Amino acid sequence: MIAAAGFDHSQPSSWLLEGLLFYLDRETGDAIAADIAASPAPATWLAGDYVTVTPEQRAEMAAHHRENGEESQDSGDGNIVDGLLPHTAPGPGVPPAQWLSQARWEVTESTFAEHGSLIDRRVPDHWDPKRGGDDMWMFHARRMQGSPAGSR
């Protein structure tokens, strides 16, 4: 589909999966990472974010947010607990380096809380596991040099 729109697979490319992996299961995320890694381009970059939680942890987090009056942290269309959380998926389920190395990516990763501490900023409780939240991962990755296209 993207080739029909003029995308040239032989040219270096960057892919941003920001806000997408929250809604996908592991199998779908694996397929996307492998498909992008299969590009014949000499340099391919991938970046994104996701949360690593199980459905049970998600339910516990929702209860925690309700108990602490945090259910109104949203953009105005509902609340983070009842509006967003039920629609999220477990995503890759492991830290980015562990997930993406299987598809031959060199990964740089950090959690949202770790990144916040580097710039002396406190992140919201729901993104800090030390305060009852999730590990929200941010990553960027580059396809390993010499990796055969399509290797999984």
C-alpha atoms as a PDB file:
ATOM      1  CA  MET A   1       0.000   0.000   0.000  1.00  0.00           C
ATOM      2  CA  ILE A   2       2.716   2.534   0.884  1.00  0.00           C
ATOM      3  CA  ALA A   3       4.746   1.561  -2.190  1.00  0.00           C
ATOM      4  CA  ALA A   4       1.741   2.527  -4.342  1.00  0.00           C
ATOM      5  CA  ALA A   5       1.836   5.950  -2.659  1.00  0.00           C
ATOM      6  CA  GLY A   6       5.480   6.424  -3.664  1.00  0.00           C
ATOM      7  CA  PHE A   7       7.385   4.937  -0.707  1.00  0.00           C
ATOM      8  CA  ASP A   8      10.813   3.734  -1.843  1.00  0.00           C
ATOM      9  CA  HIS A   9      11.912   0.707   0.209  1.00  0.00           C
ATOM     10  CA  SER A  10      15.516   1.108  -0.967  1.00  0.00           C
ATOM     11  CA  GLN A  11      15.913   4.477   0.806  1.00  0.00           C
ATOM     12  CA  PRO A  12      16.684   4.909   4.532  1.00  0.00           C
ATOM     13  CA  SER A  13      13.524   5.421   6.555  1.00  0.00           C
ATOM     14  CA  SER A  14      12.288   6.228  10.034  1.00  0.00           C
ATOM     15  CA  TRP A  15       9.152   4.780  11.574  1.00  0.00           C
ATOM     16  CA  LEU A  16       7.340   6.270  14.568  1.00  0.00           C
ATOM     17  CA  LEU A  17       5.014   3.981  16.549  1.00  0.00           C
ATOM     18  CA  GLU A  18       4.127   6.615  19.151  1.00  0.00           C
ATOM     19  CA  GLY A  19       0.790   5.912  20.821  1.00  0.00           C
ATOM     20  CA  LEU A  20       0.162   2.818  18.683  1.00  0.00           C
ATOM     21  CA  LEU A  21       1.656  -0.124  20.577  1.00  0.00           C
ATOM     22  CA  PHE A  22      -0.630   0.574  23.566  1.00  0.00           C
ATOM     23  CA  TYR A  23      -3.484  -0.904  21.529  1.00  0.00           C
ATOM     24  CA  LEU A  24      -1.780  -3.923  19.972  1.00  0.00           C
ATOM     25  CA  ASP A  25      -1.034  -7.406  21.224  1.00  0.00           C
ATOM     26  CA  ARG A  26       2.459  -8.922  21.205  1.00  0.00           C
ATOM     27  CA  GLU A  27       1.955 -10.880  17.994  1.00  0.00           C
ATOM     28  CA  THR A  28       0.898  -7.781  16.033  1.00  0.00           C
ATOM     29  CA  GLY A  29       3.783  -5.729  17.441  1.00  0.00           C
ATOM     30  CA  ASP A  30       6.229  -8.500  16.523  1.00  0.00           C
ATOM     31  CA  ALA A  31       4.893  -8.565  12.958  1.00  0.00           C
ATOM     32  CA  ILE A  32       5.253  -4.786  12.586  1.00  0.00           C
ATOM     33  CA  ALA A  33       8.831  -4.770  13.930  1.00  0.00           C
ATOM     34  CA  ALA A  34       9.817  -7.694  11.677  1.00  0.00           C
ATOM     35  CA  ASP A  35       8.196  -6.126   8.607  1.00  0.00           C
ATOM     36  CA  ILE A  36      10.026  -2.841   9.184  1.00  0.00           C
ATOM     37  CA  ALA A  37      13.295  -4.700   9.815  1.00  0.00           C
ATOM     38  CA  ALA A  38      12.809  -6.525   6.500  1.00  0.00           C
ATOM     39  CA  SER A  39      13.279  -3.271   4.553  1.00  0.00           C
ATOM     40  CA  PRO A  40      16.248  -3.462   2.168  1.00  0.00           C
ATOM     41  CA  ALA A  41      17.138   0.160   3.022  1.00  0.00           C
ATOM     42  CA  PRO A  42      20.715   0.661   4.272  1.00  0.00           C
ATOM     43  CA  ALA A  43      19.527   2.381   7.479  1.00  0.00           C
ATOM     44  CA  THR A  44      16.149   1.998   9.101  1.00  0.00           C
ATOM     45  CA  TRP A  45      15.076   3.610  12.385  1.00  0.00           C
ATOM     46  CA  LEU A  46      12.150   2.789  14.636  1.00  0.00           C
ATOM     47  CA  ALA A  47      10.852   4.740  17.645  1.00  0.00           C
ATOM     48  CA  GLY A  48       7.838   4.429  19.882  1.00  0.00           C
ATOM     49  CA  ASP A  49       6.362   3.990  23.304  1.00  0.00           C
ATOM     50  CA  TYR A  50       4.223   1.482  25.172  1.00  0.00           C
ATOM     51  CA  VAL A  51       3.306   0.233  28.623  1.00  0.00           C
ATOM     52  CA  THR A  52       4.194  -3.210  29.981  1.00  0.00           C
ATOM     53  CA  VAL A  53       1.328  -4.474  32.095  1.00  0.00           C
ATOM     54  CA  THR A  54      -0.857  -7.536  32.349  1.00  0.00           C
ATOM     55  CA  PRO A  55      -4.676  -7.272  32.360  1.00  0.00           C
ATOM     56  CA  GLU A  56      -4.581  -7.985  36.103  1.00  0.00           C
ATOM     57  CA  GLN A  57      -2.081  -5.190  36.689  1.00  0.00           C
ATOM     58  CA  ARG A  58      -4.235  -2.891  34.532  1.00  0.00           C
ATOM     59  CA  ALA A  59      -7.276  -3.601  36.760  1.00  0.00           C
ATOM     60  CA  GLU A  60      -5.213  -2.982  39.905  1.00  0.00           C
ATOM     61  CA  MET A  61      -3.911   0.274  38.468  1.00  0.00           C
ATOM     62  CA  ALA A  62      -7.440   1.425  37.591  1.00  0.00           C
ATOM     63  CA  ALA A  63      -8.557   0.739  41.170  1.00  0.00           C
ATOM     64  CA  HIS A  64      -5.522   2.625  42.503  1.00  0.00           C
ATOM     65  CA  HIS A  65      -6.301   5.648  40.332  1.00  0.00           C
ATOM     66  CA  ARG A  66      -9.946   5.685  41.430  1.00  0.00           C
ATOM     67  CA  GLU A  67      -8.970   5.451  45.108  1.00  0.00           C
ATOM     68  CA  ASN A  68      -6.569   8.369  44.682  1.00  0.00           C
ATOM     69  CA  GLY A  69      -8.989  10.562  42.740  1.00  0.00           C
ATOM     70  CA  GLU A  70      -6.909  10.431  39.557  1.00  0.00           C
ATOM     71  CA  GLU A  71      -9.693   9.424  37.193  1.00  0.00           C
ATOM     72  CA  SER A  72     -10.057  12.906  35.737  1.00  0.00           C
ATOM     73  CA  GLN A  73      -6.569  13.063  34.151  1.00  0.00           C
ATOM     74  CA  ASP A  74      -7.561  13.147  30.496  1.00  0.00           C
ATOM     75  CA  SER A  75      -8.190  15.370  27.504  1.00  0.00           C
ATOM     76  CA  GLY A  76     -11.801  16.104  28.437  1.00  0.00           C
ATOM     77  CA  ASP A  77     -13.681  13.252  26.756  1.00  0.00           C
ATOM     78  CA  GLY A  78     -13.964  10.985  29.788  1.00  0.00           C
ATOM     79  CA  ASN A  79     -11.433   9.789  32.280  1.00  0.00           C
ATOM     80  CA  ILE A  80      -8.176   7.919  32.131  1.00  0.00           C
ATOM     81  CA  VAL A  81      -9.519   5.015  34.169  1.00  0.00           C
ATOM     82  CA  ASP A  82     -12.837   4.324  32.466  1.00  0.00           C
ATOM     83  CA  GLY A  83     -12.126   5.979  29.117  1.00  0.00           C
ATOM     84  CA  LEU A  84      -8.659   4.808  28.127  1.00  0.00           C
ATOM     85  CA  LEU A  85      -7.595   1.841  30.229  1.00  0.00           C
ATOM     86  CA  PRO A  86     -10.216  -0.670  29.002  1.00  0.00           C
ATOM     87  CA  HIS A  87      -9.056  -0.179  25.405  1.00  0.00           C
ATOM     88  CA  THR A  88      -5.362  -0.772  25.925  1.00  0.00           C
ATOM     89  CA  ALA A  89      -3.628  -4.072  25.214  1.00  0.00           C
ATOM     90  CA  PRO A  90      -0.604  -5.682  26.835  1.00  0.00           C
ATOM     91  CA  GLY A  91       1.662  -4.679  23.943  1.00  0.00           C
ATOM     92  CA  PRO A  92       5.023  -6.426  23.717  1.00  0.00           C
ATOM     93  CA  GLY A  93       4.909  -7.201  27.452  1.00  0.00           C
ATOM     94  CA  VAL A  94       8.664  -6.856  27.975  1.00  0.00           C
ATOM     95  CA  PRO A  95      11.170  -3.971  27.853  1.00  0.00           C
ATOM     96  CA  PRO A  96      11.979  -2.722  24.319  1.00  0.00           C
ATOM     97  CA  ALA A  97      15.533  -4.123  24.124  1.00  0.00           C
ATOM     98  CA  GLN A  98      14.284  -7.584  25.047  1.00  0.00           C
ATOM     99  CA  TRP A  99      11.402  -7.353  22.570  1.00  0.00           C
ATOM    100  CA  LEU A 100      13.156  -5.804  19.562  1.00  0.00           C
ATOM    101  CA  SER A 101      16.493  -7.632  19.758  1.00  0.00           C
ATOM    102  CA  GLN A 102      14.627 -10.719  18.540  1.00  0.00           C
ATOM    103  CA  ALA A 103      14.001  -8.884  15.244  1.00  0.00           C
ATOM    104  CA  ARG A 104      17.652  -7.689  15.028  1.00  0.00           C
ATOM    105  CA  TRP A 105      17.309  -4.111  16.314  1.00  0.00           C
ATOM    106  CA  GLU A 106      19.875  -2.126  18.326  1.00  0.00           C
ATOM    107  CA  VAL A 107      17.775  -0.454  21.007  1.00  0.00           C
ATOM    108  CA  THR A 108      18.088   2.531  23.328  1.00  0.00           C
ATOM    109  CA  GLU A 109      15.338   2.537  25.952  1.00  0.00           C
ATOM    110  CA  SER A 110      14.175   4.305  29.075  1.00  0.00           C
ATOM    111  CA  THR A 111      11.029   4.456  31.105  1.00  0.00           C
ATOM    112  CA  PHE A 112       9.054   7.670  31.267  1.00  0.00           C
ATOM    113  CA  ALA A 113       9.889   7.913  34.988  1.00  0.00           C
ATOM    114  CA  GLU A 114      13.625   7.427  34.330  1.00  0.00           C
ATOM    115  CA  HIS A 115      13.556  10.076  31.640  1.00  0.00           C
ATOM    116  CA  GLY A 116      11.708  12.462  33.955  1.00  0.00           C
ATOM    117  CA  SER A 117      14.329  12.037  36.658  1.00  0.00           C
ATOM    118  CA  LEU A 118      17.109  12.812  34.141  1.00  0.00           C
ATOM    119  CA  ILE A 119      15.583  16.228  33.488  1.00  0.00           C
ATOM    120  CA  ASP A 120      14.536  16.753  37.118  1.00  0.00           C
ATOM    121  CA  ARG A 121      10.804  16.378  36.388  1.00  0.00           C
ATOM    122  CA  ARG A 122       8.307  14.315  38.356  1.00  0.00           C
ATOM    123  CA  VAL A 123       6.058  12.288  36.077  1.00  0.00           C
ATOM    124  CA  PRO A 124       2.383  11.578  36.892  1.00  0.00           C
ATOM    125  CA  ASP A 125       1.827   8.702  39.307  1.00  0.00           C
ATOM    126  CA  HIS A 126       0.203   6.554  36.606  1.00  0.00           C
ATOM    127  CA  TRP A 127       3.542   6.465  34.702  1.00  0.00           C
ATOM    128  CA  ASP A 128       5.730   5.782  37.748  1.00  0.00           C
ATOM    129  CA  PRO A 129       5.822   2.187  39.058  1.00  0.00           C
ATOM    130  CA  LYS A 130       7.332   3.397  42.349  1.00  0.00           C
ATOM    131  CA  ARG A 131       4.034   5.218  42.982  1.00  0.00           C
ATOM    132  CA  GLY A 132       1.622   2.514  41.782  1.00  0.00           C
ATOM    133  CA  GLY A 133       1.797   3.214  38.040  1.00  0.00           C
ATOM    134  CA  ASP A 134       3.023   1.412  34.964  1.00  0.00           C
ATOM    135  CA  ASP A 135       6.379   1.177  33.275  1.00  0.00           C
ATOM    136  CA  MET A 136       5.847   3.344  30.220  1.00  0.00           C
ATOM    137  CA  TRP A 137       8.719   2.660  27.848  1.00  0.00           C
ATOM    138  CA  MET A 138      10.167   5.049  25.287  1.00  0.00           C
ATOM    139  CA  PHE A 139      12.615   3.688  22.755  1.00  0.00           C
ATOM    140  CA  HIS A 140      14.430   4.263  19.529  1.00  0.00           C
ATOM    141  CA  ALA A 141      16.095   1.510  17.575  1.00  0.00           C
ATOM    142  CA  ARG A 142      18.197   0.996  14.484  1.00  0.00           C
ATOM    143  CA  ARG A 143      18.258  -2.141  12.419  1.00  0.00           C
ATOM    144  CA  MET A 144      21.540  -3.945  13.094  1.00  0.00           C
ATOM    145  CA  GLN A 145      24.137  -3.570  10.367  1.00  0.00           C
ATOM    146  CA  GLY A 146      24.415  -6.641   8.197  1.00  0.00           C
ATOM    147  CA  SER A 147      21.182  -8.155   9.451  1.00  0.00           C
ATOM    148  CA  PRO A 148      19.449 -10.035   6.673  1.00  0.00           C
ATOM    149  CA  ALA A 149      16.140  -8.517   5.613  1.00  0.00           C
ATOM    150  CA  GLY A 150      13.232 -10.351   7.121  1.00  0.00           C
ATOM    151  CA  SER A 151      15.200 -12.122   9.876  1.00  0.00           C
ATOM    152  CA  ARG A 152      13.123 -12.713  12.974  1.00  0.00           C
END
